[in-house]
């Protein structure tokens, strides 16, 4: 999968009867705000649900179905923004690696500066 696949998907959505470009852009803007806020943290954590890693790209992929079923261009825009931001990790979206607290529904695992440095994933060190 490459970024042009994501662009192609967006082109297909634009053909949907209910698609509204302005609403799509509103959703995309919100996703950009959310991911920018998350990514600008010194050590953004990793999110786990019931002990399994959840990438925001995977959450975006799930929201595509919600957007299509609900005929919501804004939801599609938000979904697209999440997937676009997390595209570099696309091959990991559905691996659901173990981690976090398996007894807790939602847990966020903070990383150390050293882990961020090794992964080259933190924006500010």
PDB file of N, CA and C in Angstrom:
ATOM      1  N   UNK A   1       0.848  -1.185   0.000  1.00  0.00           N
ATOM      2  CA  UNK A   1       0.000   0.000   0.000  1.00  0.00           C
ATOM      3  C   UNK A   1       0.890   1.243   0.000  1.00  0.00           C
ATOM      4  N   UNK A   2       0.563   2.181  -0.856  1.00  0.00           N
ATOM      5  CA  UNK A   2       1.301   3.438  -0.846  1.00  0.00           C
ATOM      6  C   UNK A   2       0.322   4.605  -0.797  1.00  0.00           C
ATOM      7  N   UNK A   3       0.857   5.807  -0.651  1.00  0.00           N
ATOM      8  CA  UNK A   3       0.012   6.983  -0.453  1.00  0.00           C
ATOM      9  C   UNK A   3      -0.936   7.217  -1.623  1.00  0.00           C
ATOM     10  N   UNK A   4      -0.556   6.801  -2.817  1.00  0.00           N
ATOM     11  CA  UNK A   4      -1.459   6.975  -3.966  1.00  0.00           C
ATOM     12  C   UNK A   4      -2.714   6.111  -3.811  1.00  0.00           C
ATOM     13  N   UNK A   5      -2.610   4.993  -3.077  1.00  0.00           N
ATOM     14  CA  UNK A   5      -3.799   4.169  -2.802  1.00  0.00           C
ATOM     15  C   UNK A   5      -4.802   4.950  -1.958  1.00  0.00           C
ATOM     16  N   UNK A   6      -4.280   5.722  -1.016  1.00  0.00           N
ATOM     17  CA  UNK A   6      -5.143   6.536  -0.164  1.00  0.00           C
ATOM     18  C   UNK A   6      -5.807   7.642  -0.992  1.00  0.00           C
ATOM     19  N   UNK A   7      -5.056   8.252  -1.873  1.00  0.00           N
ATOM     20  CA  UNK A   7      -5.608   9.270  -2.772  1.00  0.00           C
ATOM     21  C   UNK A   7      -6.678   8.678  -3.685  1.00  0.00           C
ATOM     22  N   UNK A   8      -6.440   7.454  -4.149  1.00  0.00           N
ATOM     23  CA  UNK A   8      -7.415   6.771  -5.009  1.00  0.00           C
ATOM     24  C   UNK A   8      -8.707   6.498  -4.245  1.00  0.00           C
ATOM     25  N   UNK A   9      -8.576   6.118  -2.990  1.00  0.00           N
ATOM     26  CA  UNK A   9      -9.742   5.877  -2.140  1.00  0.00           C
ATOM     27  C   UNK A   9     -10.556   7.158  -2.008  1.00  0.00           C
ATOM     28  N   UNK A  10      -9.873   8.265  -1.771  1.00  0.00           N
ATOM     29  CA  UNK A  10     -10.553   9.558  -1.666  1.00  0.00           C
ATOM     30  C   UNK A  10     -11.291   9.881  -2.969  1.00  0.00           C
ATOM     31  N   UNK A  11     -10.681   9.593  -4.099  1.00  0.00           N
ATOM     32  CA  UNK A  11     -11.329   9.833  -5.400  1.00  0.00           C
ATOM     33  C   UNK A  11     -12.618   9.029  -5.526  1.00  0.00           C
ATOM     34  N   UNK A  12     -12.611   7.808  -5.010  1.00  0.00           N
ATOM     35  CA  UNK A  12     -13.823   6.971  -5.053  1.00  0.00           C
ATOM     36  C   UNK A  12     -14.918   7.558  -4.166  1.00  0.00           C
ATOM     37  N   UNK A  13     -14.545   8.085  -3.004  1.00  0.00           N
ATOM     38  CA  UNK A  13     -15.543   8.696  -2.111  1.00  0.00           C
ATOM     39  C   UNK A  13     -16.192   9.890  -2.772  1.00  0.00           C
ATOM     40  N   UNK A  14     -15.418  10.645  -3.543  1.00  0.00           N
ATOM     41  CA  UNK A  14     -15.952  11.842  -4.197  1.00  0.00           C
ATOM     42  C   UNK A  14     -17.071  11.503  -5.185  1.00  0.00           C
ATOM     43  N   UNK A  15     -17.162  10.249  -5.599  1.00  0.00           N
ATOM     44  CA  UNK A  15     -18.215   9.799  -6.520  1.00  0.00           C
ATOM     45  C   UNK A  15     -19.511   9.423  -5.788  1.00  0.00           C
ATOM     46  N   UNK A  16     -19.440   9.314  -4.453  1.00  0.00           N
ATOM     47  CA  UNK A  16     -20.625   8.937  -3.685  1.00  0.00           C
ATOM     48  C   UNK A  16     -21.679  10.038  -3.793  1.00  0.00           C
ATOM     49  N   UNK A  17     -22.946   9.638  -3.899  1.00  0.00           N
ATOM     50  CA  UNK A  17     -24.058  10.575  -4.077  1.00  0.00           C
ATOM     51  C   UNK A  17     -24.083  11.625  -2.967  1.00  0.00           C
ATOM     52  N   UNK A  18     -23.797  11.233  -1.741  1.00  0.00           N
ATOM     53  CA  UNK A  18     -23.903  12.146  -0.603  1.00  0.00           C
ATOM     54  C   UNK A  18     -22.642  12.979  -0.361  1.00  0.00           C
ATOM     55  N   UNK A  19     -21.574  12.720  -1.099  1.00  0.00           N
ATOM     56  CA  UNK A  19     -20.295  13.380  -0.812  1.00  0.00           C
ATOM     57  C   UNK A  19     -20.403  14.899  -0.945  1.00  0.00           C
ATOM     58  N   UNK A  20     -19.868  15.591   0.065  1.00  0.00           N
ATOM     59  CA  UNK A  20     -19.858  17.048   0.092  1.00  0.00           C
ATOM     60  C   UNK A  20     -18.433  17.484   0.441  1.00  0.00           C
ATOM     61  N   UNK A  21     -17.771  18.139  -0.491  1.00  0.00           N
ATOM     62  CA  UNK A  21     -16.359  18.515  -0.336  1.00  0.00           C
ATOM     63  C   UNK A  21     -16.137  19.422   0.878  1.00  0.00           C
ATOM     64  N   UNK A  22     -17.028  20.384   1.109  1.00  0.00           N
ATOM     65  CA  UNK A  22     -16.861  21.294   2.249  1.00  0.00           C
ATOM     66  C   UNK A  22     -16.942  20.531   3.566  1.00  0.00           C
ATOM     67  N   UNK A  23     -17.869  19.597   3.673  1.00  0.00           N
ATOM     68  CA  UNK A  23     -18.004  18.797   4.894  1.00  0.00           C
ATOM     69  C   UNK A  23     -16.790  17.876   5.074  1.00  0.00           C
ATOM     70  N   UNK A  24     -16.326  17.299   3.972  1.00  0.00           N
ATOM     71  CA  UNK A  24     -15.134  16.455   4.015  1.00  0.00           C
ATOM     72  C   UNK A  24     -13.955  17.266   4.554  1.00  0.00           C
ATOM     73  N   UNK A  25     -13.781  18.467   4.038  1.00  0.00           N
ATOM     74  CA  UNK A  25     -12.667  19.316   4.472  1.00  0.00           C
ATOM     75  C   UNK A  25     -12.767  19.696   5.942  1.00  0.00           C
ATOM     76  N   UNK A  26     -13.996  19.890   6.457  1.00  0.00           N
ATOM     77  CA  UNK A  26     -14.183  20.167   7.890  1.00  0.00           C
ATOM     78  C   UNK A  26     -13.673  18.988   8.723  1.00  0.00           C
ATOM     79  N   UNK A  27     -14.047  17.790   8.324  1.00  0.00           N
ATOM     80  CA  UNK A  27     -13.602  16.592   9.037  1.00  0.00           C
ATOM     81  C   UNK A  27     -12.098  16.431   8.958  1.00  0.00           C
ATOM     82  N   UNK A  28     -11.542  16.666   7.781  1.00  0.00           N
ATOM     83  CA  UNK A  28     -10.093  16.575   7.583  1.00  0.00           C
ATOM     84  C   UNK A  28      -9.369  17.584   8.467  1.00  0.00           C
ATOM     85  N   UNK A  29      -9.891  18.798   8.535  1.00  0.00           N
ATOM     86  CA  UNK A  29      -9.296  19.834   9.383  1.00  0.00           C
ATOM     87  C   UNK A  29      -9.267  19.414  10.849  1.00  0.00           C
ATOM     88  N   UNK A  30     -10.362  18.834  11.303  1.00  0.00           N
ATOM     89  CA  UNK A  30     -10.426  18.364  12.694  1.00  0.00           C
ATOM     90  C   UNK A  30      -9.398  17.265  12.951  1.00  0.00           C
ATOM     91  N   UNK A  31      -9.267  16.354  12.010  1.00  0.00           N
ATOM     92  CA  UNK A  31      -8.280  15.271  12.161  1.00  0.00           C
ATOM     93  C   UNK A  31      -6.872  15.845  12.200  1.00  0.00           C
ATOM     94  N   UNK A  32      -6.600  16.828  11.366  1.00  0.00           N
ATOM     95  CA  UNK A  32      -5.278  17.454  11.362  1.00  0.00           C
ATOM     96  C   UNK A  32      -5.003  18.115  12.702  1.00  0.00           C
ATOM     97  N   UNK A  33      -6.007  18.801  13.264  1.00  0.00           N
ATOM     98  CA  UNK A  33      -5.845  19.425  14.583  1.00  0.00           C
ATOM     99  C   UNK A  33      -5.548  18.391  15.667  1.00  0.00           C
ATOM    100  N   UNK A  34      -6.316  17.308  15.662  1.00  0.00           N
ATOM    101  CA  UNK A  34      -6.149  16.257  16.675  1.00  0.00           C
ATOM    102  C   UNK A  34      -4.773  15.604  16.563  1.00  0.00           C
ATOM    103  N   UNK A  35      -4.394  15.213  15.355  1.00  0.00           N
ATOM    104  CA  UNK A  35      -3.110  14.515  15.196  1.00  0.00           C
ATOM    105  C   UNK A  35      -1.935  15.453  15.439  1.00  0.00           C
ATOM    106  N   UNK A  36      -2.079  16.714  15.064  1.00  0.00           N
ATOM    107  CA  UNK A  36      -1.005  17.682  15.326  1.00  0.00           C
ATOM    108  C   UNK A  36      -0.803  17.840  16.830  1.00  0.00           C
ATOM    109  N   UNK A  37      -1.903  17.984  17.556  1.00  0.00           N
ATOM    110  CA  UNK A  37      -1.834  18.110  19.011  1.00  0.00           C
ATOM    111  C   UNK A  37      -1.155  16.895  19.626  1.00  0.00           C
ATOM    112  N   UNK A  38      -1.529  15.703  19.178  1.00  0.00           N
ATOM    113  CA  UNK A  38      -0.941  14.455  19.702  1.00  0.00           C
ATOM    114  C   UNK A  38       0.543  14.360  19.344  1.00  0.00           C
ATOM    115  N   UNK A  39       0.854  14.625  18.085  1.00  0.00           N
ATOM    116  CA  UNK A  39       2.230  14.471  17.612  1.00  0.00           C
ATOM    117  C   UNK A  39       3.188  15.504  18.183  1.00  0.00           C
ATOM    118  N   UNK A  40       2.666  16.640  18.626  1.00  0.00           N
ATOM    119  CA  UNK A  40       3.533  17.676  19.188  1.00  0.00           C
ATOM    120  C   UNK A  40       3.889  17.431  20.646  1.00  0.00           C
ATOM    121  N   UNK A  41       3.320  16.423  21.253  1.00  0.00           N
ATOM    122  CA  UNK A  41       3.688  16.083  22.625  1.00  0.00           C
ATOM    123  C   UNK A  41       5.143  15.619  22.641  1.00  0.00           C
ATOM    124  N   UNK A  42       5.874  15.913  23.724  1.00  0.00           N
ATOM    125  CA  UNK A  42       7.273  15.471  23.793  1.00  0.00           C
ATOM    126  C   UNK A  42       7.421  13.957  23.634  1.00  0.00           C
ATOM    127  N   UNK A  43       6.585  13.186  24.268  1.00  0.00           N
ATOM    128  CA  UNK A  43       6.616  11.721  24.179  1.00  0.00           C
ATOM    129  C   UNK A  43       5.197  11.199  23.985  1.00  0.00           C
ATOM    130  N   UNK A  44       4.652  11.312  22.775  1.00  0.00           N
ATOM    131  CA  UNK A  44       3.271  10.840  22.613  1.00  0.00           C
ATOM    132  C   UNK A  44       3.170   9.352  22.926  1.00  0.00           C
ATOM    133  N   UNK A  45       2.186   9.002  23.734  1.00  0.00           N
ATOM    134  CA  UNK A  45       2.035   7.613  24.152  1.00  0.00           C
ATOM    135  C   UNK A  45       1.473   6.732  23.056  1.00  0.00           C
ATOM    136  N   UNK A  46       1.475   5.455  23.356  1.00  0.00           N
ATOM    137  CA  UNK A  46       0.857   4.470  22.467  1.00  0.00           C
ATOM    138  C   UNK A  46      -0.452   4.051  23.123  1.00  0.00           C
ATOM    139  N   UNK A  47      -1.494   3.949  22.324  1.00  0.00           N
ATOM    140  CA  UNK A  47      -2.831   3.653  22.836  1.00  0.00           C
ATOM    141  C   UNK A  47      -3.108   2.159  22.715  1.00  0.00           C
ATOM    142  N   UNK A  48      -3.658   1.594  23.797  1.00  0.00           N
ATOM    143  CA  UNK A  48      -4.005   0.176  23.841  1.00  0.00           C
ATOM    144  C   UNK A  48      -5.450   0.028  24.300  1.00  0.00           C
ATOM    145  N   UNK A  49      -6.170  -0.875  23.667  1.00  0.00           N
ATOM    146  CA  UNK A  49      -7.516  -1.249  24.102  1.00  0.00           C
ATOM    147  C   UNK A  49      -7.463  -2.724  24.463  1.00  0.00           C
ATOM    148  N   UNK A  50      -7.802  -2.986  25.718  1.00  0.00           N
ATOM    149  CA  UNK A  50      -7.752  -4.361  26.252  1.00  0.00           C
ATOM    150  C   UNK A  50      -6.403  -5.033  25.947  1.00  0.00           C
ATOM    151  N   UNK A  51      -5.318  -4.265  26.117  1.00  0.00           N
ATOM    152  CA  UNK A  51      -3.977  -4.827  25.971  1.00  0.00           C
ATOM    153  C   UNK A  51      -3.498  -5.002  24.543  1.00  0.00           C
ATOM    154  N   UNK A  52      -4.185  -4.393  23.576  1.00  0.00           N
ATOM    155  CA  UNK A  52      -3.775  -4.486  22.175  1.00  0.00           C
ATOM    156  C   UNK A  52      -3.585  -3.082  21.603  1.00  0.00           C
ATOM    157  N   UNK A  53      -2.476  -2.880  20.910  1.00  0.00           N
ATOM    158  CA  UNK A  53      -2.132  -1.572  20.336  1.00  0.00           C
ATOM    159  C   UNK A  53      -3.133  -1.202  19.253  1.00  0.00           C
ATOM    160  N   UNK A  54      -3.576   0.043  19.290  1.00  0.00           N
ATOM    161  CA  UNK A  54      -4.486   0.556  18.283  1.00  0.00           C
ATOM    162  C   UNK A  54      -3.846   1.792  17.641  1.00  0.00           C
ATOM    163  N   UNK A  55      -3.579   1.707  16.362  1.00  0.00           N
ATOM    164  CA  UNK A  55      -3.037   2.836  15.608  1.00  0.00           C
ATOM    165  C   UNK A  55      -4.186   3.744  15.177  1.00  0.00           C
ATOM    166  N   UNK A  56      -3.935   5.058  15.134  1.00  0.00           N
ATOM    167  CA  UNK A  56      -5.022   5.946  14.730  1.00  0.00           C
ATOM    168  C   UNK A  56      -5.365   5.778  13.253  1.00  0.00           C
ATOM    169  N   UNK A  57      -4.460   5.231  12.470  1.00  0.00           N
ATOM    170  CA  UNK A  57      -4.788   4.907  11.082  1.00  0.00           C
ATOM    171  C   UNK A  57      -5.842   3.814  11.009  1.00  0.00           C
ATOM    172  N   UNK A  58      -5.738   2.834  11.900  1.00  0.00           N
ATOM    173  CA  UNK A  58      -6.736   1.757  11.951  1.00  0.00           C
ATOM    174  C   UNK A  58      -8.082   2.298  12.415  1.00  0.00           C
ATOM    175  N   UNK A  59      -8.044   3.226  13.371  1.00  0.00           N
ATOM    176  CA  UNK A  59      -9.293   3.860  13.815  1.00  0.00           C
ATOM    177  C   UNK A  59      -9.927   4.611  12.646  1.00  0.00           C
ATOM    178  N   UNK A  60      -9.093   5.278  11.851  1.00  0.00           N
ATOM    179  CA  UNK A  60      -9.595   5.968  10.663  1.00  0.00           C
ATOM    180  C   UNK A  60     -10.216   5.007   9.670  1.00  0.00           C
ATOM    181  N   UNK A  61      -9.563   3.868   9.468  1.00  0.00           N
ATOM    182  CA  UNK A  61     -10.096   2.861   8.547  1.00  0.00           C
ATOM    183  C   UNK A  61     -11.473   2.379   9.013  1.00  0.00           C
ATOM    184  N   UNK A  62     -11.635   2.199  10.312  1.00  0.00           N
ATOM    185  CA  UNK A  62     -12.938   1.778  10.847  1.00  0.00           C
ATOM    186  C   UNK A  62     -13.979   2.881  10.657  1.00  0.00           C
ATOM    187  N   UNK A  63     -13.552   4.128  10.806  1.00  0.00           N
ATOM    188  CA  UNK A  63     -14.478   5.245  10.639  1.00  0.00           C
ATOM    189  C   UNK A  63     -14.968   5.401   9.197  1.00  0.00           C
ATOM    190  N   UNK A  64     -14.234   4.860   8.244  1.00  0.00           N
ATOM    191  CA  UNK A  64     -14.685   4.902   6.848  1.00  0.00           C
ATOM    192  C   UNK A  64     -16.050   4.218   6.738  1.00  0.00           C
ATOM    193  N   UNK A  65     -16.184   3.060   7.357  1.00  0.00           N
ATOM    194  CA  UNK A  65     -17.465   2.348   7.315  1.00  0.00           C
ATOM    195  C   UNK A  65     -18.566   3.184   7.961  1.00  0.00           C
ATOM    196  N   UNK A  66     -18.255   3.819   9.076  1.00  0.00           N
ATOM    197  CA  UNK A  66     -19.228   4.667   9.762  1.00  0.00           C
ATOM    198  C   UNK A  66     -19.645   5.823   8.853  1.00  0.00           C
ATOM    199  N   UNK A  67     -18.665   6.430   8.191  1.00  0.00           N
ATOM    200  CA  UNK A  67     -18.959   7.543   7.296  1.00  0.00           C
ATOM    201  C   UNK A  67     -19.819   7.147   6.118  1.00  0.00           C
ATOM    202  N   UNK A  68     -19.552   5.978   5.562  1.00  0.00           N
ATOM    203  CA  UNK A  68     -20.338   5.521   4.407  1.00  0.00           C
ATOM    204  C   UNK A  68     -21.745   5.113   4.831  1.00  0.00           C
ATOM    205  N   UNK A  69     -21.832   4.344   5.903  1.00  0.00           N
ATOM    206  CA  UNK A  69     -23.163   3.916   6.377  1.00  0.00           C
ATOM    207  C   UNK A  69     -23.996   5.125   6.812  1.00  0.00           C
ATOM    208  N   UNK A  70     -23.342   6.060   7.517  1.00  0.00           N
ATOM    209  CA  UNK A  70     -24.047   7.249   7.990  1.00  0.00           C
ATOM    210  C   UNK A  70     -24.137   8.368   6.966  1.00  0.00           C
ATOM    211  N   UNK A  71     -23.583   8.135   5.783  1.00  0.00           N
ATOM    212  CA  UNK A  71     -23.581   9.123   4.702  1.00  0.00           C
ATOM    213  C   UNK A  71     -23.044  10.472   5.194  1.00  0.00           C
ATOM    214  N   UNK A  72     -21.883  10.418   5.848  1.00  0.00           N
ATOM    215  CA  UNK A  72     -21.288  11.610   6.438  1.00  0.00           C
ATOM    216  C   UNK A  72     -19.926  11.917   5.807  1.00  0.00           C
ATOM    217  N   UNK A  73     -19.892  12.947   5.008  1.00  0.00           N
ATOM    218  CA  UNK A  73     -18.639  13.376   4.388  1.00  0.00           C
ATOM    219  C   UNK A  73     -17.655  13.867   5.442  1.00  0.00           C
ATOM    220  N   UNK A  74     -18.172  14.477   6.501  1.00  0.00           N
ATOM    221  CA  UNK A  74     -17.309  14.968   7.567  1.00  0.00           C
ATOM    222  C   UNK A  74     -16.586  13.813   8.266  1.00  0.00           C
ATOM    223  N   UNK A  75     -17.299  12.722   8.491  1.00  0.00           N
ATOM    224  CA  UNK A  75     -16.677  11.540   9.090  1.00  0.00           C
ATOM    225  C   UNK A  75     -15.627  10.959   8.146  1.00  0.00           C
ATOM    226  N   UNK A  76     -15.920  10.936   6.859  1.00  0.00           N
ATOM    227  CA  UNK A  76     -14.927  10.450   5.887  1.00  0.00           C
ATOM    228  C   UNK A  76     -13.684  11.337   5.894  1.00  0.00           C
ATOM    229  N   UNK A  77     -13.868  12.640   6.022  1.00  0.00           N
ATOM    230  CA  UNK A  77     -12.734  13.557   6.084  1.00  0.00           C
ATOM    231  C   UNK A  77     -11.887  13.315   7.320  1.00  0.00           C
ATOM    232  N   UNK A  78     -12.554  13.098   8.458  1.00  0.00           N
ATOM    233  CA  UNK A  78     -11.830  12.813   9.700  1.00  0.00           C
ATOM    234  C   UNK A  78     -11.071  11.493   9.571  1.00  0.00           C
ATOM    235  N   UNK A  79     -11.736  10.490   9.014  1.00  0.00           N
ATOM    236  CA  UNK A  79     -11.110   9.173   8.814  1.00  0.00           C
ATOM    237  C   UNK A  79      -9.891   9.293   7.905  1.00  0.00           C
ATOM    238  N   UNK A  80     -10.042  10.026   6.830  1.00  0.00           N
ATOM    239  CA  UNK A  80      -8.940  10.219   5.881  1.00  0.00           C
ATOM    240  C   UNK A  80      -7.749  10.883   6.577  1.00  0.00           C
ATOM    241  N   UNK A  81      -8.025  11.908   7.382  1.00  0.00           N
ATOM    242  CA  UNK A  81      -6.955  12.606   8.092  1.00  0.00           C
ATOM    243  C   UNK A  81      -6.197  11.699   9.045  1.00  0.00           C
ATOM    244  N   UNK A  82      -6.911  10.841   9.757  1.00  0.00           N
ATOM    245  CA  UNK A  82      -6.253   9.893  10.662  1.00  0.00           C
ATOM    246  C   UNK A  82      -5.374   8.917   9.889  1.00  0.00           C
ATOM    247  N   UNK A  83      -5.913   8.393   8.788  1.00  0.00           N
ATOM    248  CA  UNK A  83      -5.152   7.428   7.995  1.00  0.00           C
ATOM    249  C   UNK A  83      -3.940   8.084   7.340  1.00  0.00           C
ATOM    250  N   UNK A  84      -4.124   9.281   6.829  1.00  0.00           N
ATOM    251  CA  UNK A  84      -3.024   9.989   6.165  1.00  0.00           C
ATOM    252  C   UNK A  84      -1.886  10.276   7.146  1.00  0.00           C
ATOM    253  N   UNK A  85      -2.236  10.718   8.360  1.00  0.00           N
ATOM    254  CA  UNK A  85      -1.212  11.033   9.349  1.00  0.00           C
ATOM    255  C   UNK A  85      -0.424   9.802   9.785  1.00  0.00           C
ATOM    256  N   UNK A  86      -1.085   8.659   9.837  1.00  0.00           N
ATOM    257  CA  UNK A  86      -0.460   7.425  10.344  1.00  0.00           C
ATOM    258  C   UNK A  86      -0.013   6.503   9.206  1.00  0.00           C
ATOM    259  N   UNK A  87       0.032   7.030   7.997  1.00  0.00           N
ATOM    260  CA  UNK A  87       0.276   6.186   6.832  1.00  0.00           C
ATOM    261  C   UNK A  87       1.606   5.438   6.891  1.00  0.00           C
ATOM    262  N   UNK A  88       2.637   6.058   7.479  1.00  0.00           N
ATOM    263  CA  UNK A  88       3.945   5.397   7.555  1.00  0.00           C
ATOM    264  C   UNK A  88       3.889   4.076   8.330  1.00  0.00           C
ATOM    265  N   UNK A  89       2.895   3.930   9.207  1.00  0.00           N
ATOM    266  CA  UNK A  89       2.732   2.700   9.998  1.00  0.00           C
ATOM    267  C   UNK A  89       1.634   1.792   9.450  1.00  0.00           C
ATOM    268  N   UNK A  90       1.194   2.030   8.220  1.00  0.00           N
ATOM    269  CA  UNK A  90       0.033   1.307   7.680  1.00  0.00           C
ATOM    270  C   UNK A  90       0.163  -0.212   7.780  1.00  0.00           C
ATOM    271  N   UNK A  91       1.369  -0.747   7.601  1.00  0.00           N
ATOM    272  CA  UNK A  91       1.513  -2.209   7.661  1.00  0.00           C
ATOM    273  C   UNK A  91       1.311  -2.742   9.083  1.00  0.00           C
ATOM    274  N   UNK A  92       1.331  -1.854  10.073  1.00  0.00           N
ATOM    275  CA  UNK A  92       1.149  -2.276  11.467  1.00  0.00           C
ATOM    276  C   UNK A  92      -0.262  -2.032  11.994  1.00  0.00           C
ATOM    277  N   UNK A  93      -1.119  -1.364  11.226  1.00  0.00           N
ATOM    278  CA  UNK A  93      -2.428  -0.967  11.719  1.00  0.00           C
ATOM    279  C   UNK A  93      -3.235  -2.112  12.310  1.00  0.00           C
ATOM    280  N   UNK A  94      -3.176  -3.275  11.698  1.00  0.00           N
ATOM    281  CA  UNK A  94      -4.037  -4.372  12.144  1.00  0.00           C
ATOM    282  C   UNK A  94      -3.260  -5.538  12.752  1.00  0.00           C
ATOM    283  N   UNK A  95      -2.069  -5.255  13.251  1.00  0.00           N
ATOM    284  CA  UNK A  95      -1.300  -6.279  13.959  1.00  0.00           C
ATOM    285  C   UNK A  95      -1.741  -6.391  15.414  1.00  0.00           C
ATOM    286  N   UNK A  96      -2.236  -5.309  15.967  1.00  0.00           N
ATOM    287  CA  UNK A  96      -2.730  -5.273  17.346  1.00  0.00           C
ATOM    288  C   UNK A  96      -1.741  -5.902  18.327  1.00  0.00           C
ATOM    289  N   UNK A  97      -0.502  -5.368  18.328  1.00  0.00           N
ATOM    290  CA  UNK A  97       0.547  -5.889  19.200  1.00  0.00           C
ATOM    291  C   UNK A  97       0.109  -5.840  20.666  1.00  0.00           C
ATOM    292  N   UNK A  98       0.638  -6.768  21.460  1.00  0.00           N
ATOM    293  CA  UNK A  98       0.336  -6.796  22.890  1.00  0.00           C
ATOM    294  C   UNK A  98       1.074  -5.666  23.586  1.00  0.00           C
ATOM    295  N   UNK A  99       0.457  -5.164  24.635  1.00  0.00           N
ATOM    296  CA  UNK A  99       1.059  -4.111  25.439  1.00  0.00           C
ATOM    297  C   UNK A  99      -0.004  -3.465  26.308  1.00  0.00           C
ATOM    298  N   UNK A 100       0.394  -2.462  27.042  1.00  0.00           N
ATOM    299  CA  UNK A 100      -0.564  -1.801  27.912  1.00  0.00           C
ATOM    300  C   UNK A 100      -1.099  -2.747  28.958  1.00  0.00           C
ATOM    301  N   UNK A 101      -2.204  -2.380  29.560  1.00  0.00           N
ATOM    302  CA  UNK A 101      -2.821  -3.177  30.619  1.00  0.00           C
ATOM    303  C   UNK A 101      -3.992  -3.962  30.039  1.00  0.00           C
ATOM    304  N   UNK A 102      -3.851  -5.292  29.905  1.00  0.00           N
ATOM    305  CA  UNK A 102      -4.931  -6.087  29.305  1.00  0.00           C
ATOM    306  C   UNK A 102      -6.219  -6.101  30.127  1.00  0.00           C
ATOM    307  N   UNK A 103      -6.143  -5.729  31.409  1.00  0.00           N
ATOM    308  CA  UNK A 103      -7.340  -5.707  32.249  1.00  0.00           C
ATOM    309  C   UNK A 103      -8.097  -4.387  32.118  1.00  0.00           C
ATOM    310  N   UNK A 104      -7.436  -3.399  31.559  1.00  0.00           N
ATOM    311  CA  UNK A 104      -8.039  -2.083  31.400  1.00  0.00           C
ATOM    312  C   UNK A 104      -8.585  -1.947  29.984  1.00  0.00           C
ATOM    313  N   UNK A 105      -9.774  -1.343  29.859  1.00  0.00           N
ATOM    314  CA  UNK A 105     -10.323  -1.160  28.514  1.00  0.00           C
ATOM    315  C   UNK A 105      -9.404  -0.273  27.684  1.00  0.00           C
ATOM    316  N   UNK A 106      -8.973   0.845  28.247  1.00  0.00           N
ATOM    317  CA  UNK A 106      -8.128   1.790  27.520  1.00  0.00           C
ATOM    318  C   UNK A 106      -6.915   2.146  28.366  1.00  0.00           C
ATOM    319  N   UNK A 107      -5.743   2.041  27.782  1.00  0.00           N
ATOM    320  CA  UNK A 107      -4.532   2.480  28.472  1.00  0.00           C
ATOM    321  C   UNK A 107      -3.615   3.165  27.472  1.00  0.00           C
ATOM    322  N   UNK A 108      -2.891   4.157  27.973  1.00  0.00           N
ATOM    323  CA  UNK A 108      -1.921   4.872  27.148  1.00  0.00           C
ATOM    324  C   UNK A 108      -0.564   4.674  27.786  1.00  0.00           C
ATOM    325  N   UNK A 109       0.330   4.100  27.017  1.00  0.00           N
ATOM    326  CA  UNK A 109       1.670   3.770  27.511  1.00  0.00           C
ATOM    327  C   UNK A 109       2.629   4.863  27.074  1.00  0.00           C
ATOM    328  N   UNK A 110       3.162   5.581  28.050  1.00  0.00           N
ATOM    329  CA  UNK A 110       4.127   6.631  27.751  1.00  0.00           C
ATOM    330  C   UNK A 110       5.479   6.000  27.444  1.00  0.00           C
ATOM    331  N   UNK A 111       6.224   6.641  26.561  1.00  0.00           N
ATOM    332  CA  UNK A 111       7.547   6.151  26.195  1.00  0.00           C
ATOM    333  C   UNK A 111       8.615   7.032  26.807  1.00  0.00           C
ATOM    334  N   UNK A 112       9.764   6.474  27.011  1.00  0.00           N
ATOM    335  CA  UNK A 112      10.888   7.244  27.522  1.00  0.00           C
ATOM    336  C   UNK A 112      11.536   8.013  26.375  1.00  0.00           C
ATOM    337  N   UNK A 113      12.321   9.020  26.708  1.00  0.00           N
ATOM    338  CA  UNK A 113      13.045   9.756  25.670  1.00  0.00           C
ATOM    339  C   UNK A 113      13.941   8.823  24.871  1.00  0.00           C
ATOM    340  N   UNK A 114      14.535   7.823  25.534  1.00  0.00           N
ATOM    341  CA  UNK A 114      15.422   6.895  24.840  1.00  0.00           C
ATOM    342  C   UNK A 114      14.653   6.076  23.806  1.00  0.00           C
ATOM    343  N   UNK A 115      13.456   5.613  24.172  1.00  0.00           N
ATOM    344  CA  UNK A 115      12.632   4.859  23.221  1.00  0.00           C
ATOM    345  C   UNK A 115      12.263   5.729  22.026  1.00  0.00           C
ATOM    346  N   UNK A 116      11.911   6.979  22.285  1.00  0.00           N
ATOM    347  CA  UNK A 116      11.588   7.903  21.199  1.00  0.00           C
ATOM    348  C   UNK A 116      12.793   8.097  20.288  1.00  0.00           C
ATOM    349  N   UNK A 117      13.957   8.253  20.891  1.00  0.00           N
ATOM    350  CA  UNK A 117      15.163   8.441  20.119  1.00  0.00           C
ATOM    351  C   UNK A 117      15.430   7.224  19.227  1.00  0.00           C
ATOM    352  N   UNK A 118      15.286   6.021  19.819  1.00  0.00           N
ATOM    353  CA  UNK A 118      15.502   4.794  19.044  1.00  0.00           C
ATOM    354  C   UNK A 118      14.525   4.685  17.888  1.00  0.00           C
ATOM    355  N   UNK A 119      13.269   5.001  18.149  1.00  0.00           N
ATOM    356  CA  UNK A 119      12.225   4.869  17.133  1.00  0.00           C
ATOM    357  C   UNK A 119      12.207   6.056  16.174  1.00  0.00           C
ATOM    358  N   UNK A 120      12.847   7.149  16.565  1.00  0.00           N
ATOM    359  CA  UNK A 120      12.839   8.393  15.782  1.00  0.00           C
ATOM    360  C   UNK A 120      11.405   8.848  15.500  1.00  0.00           C
ATOM    361  N   UNK A 121      10.539   8.725  16.541  1.00  0.00           N
ATOM    362  CA  UNK A 121       9.145   9.031  16.341  1.00  0.00           C
ATOM    363  C   UNK A 121       8.655  10.218  17.167  1.00  0.00           C
ATOM    364  N   UNK A 122       9.431  10.705  18.081  1.00  0.00           N
ATOM    365  CA  UNK A 122       8.965  11.818  18.906  1.00  0.00           C
ATOM    366  C   UNK A 122       9.375  13.140  18.283  1.00  0.00           C
ATOM    367  N   UNK A 123       8.474  14.105  18.364  1.00  0.00           N
ATOM    368  CA  UNK A 123       8.725  15.369  17.692  1.00  0.00           C
ATOM    369  C   UNK A 123       9.683  16.276  18.462  1.00  0.00           C
ATOM    370  N   UNK A 124       9.658  16.209  19.774  1.00  0.00           N
ATOM    371  CA  UNK A 124      10.510  17.095  20.579  1.00  0.00           C
ATOM    372  C   UNK A 124      11.267  16.276  21.613  1.00  0.00           C
ATOM    373  N   UNK A 125      12.570  16.348  21.613  1.00  0.00           N
ATOM    374  CA  UNK A 125      13.375  15.652  22.628  1.00  0.00           C
ATOM    375  C   UNK A 125      14.303  16.628  23.301  1.00  0.00           C
TER     376      UNK A 125
END
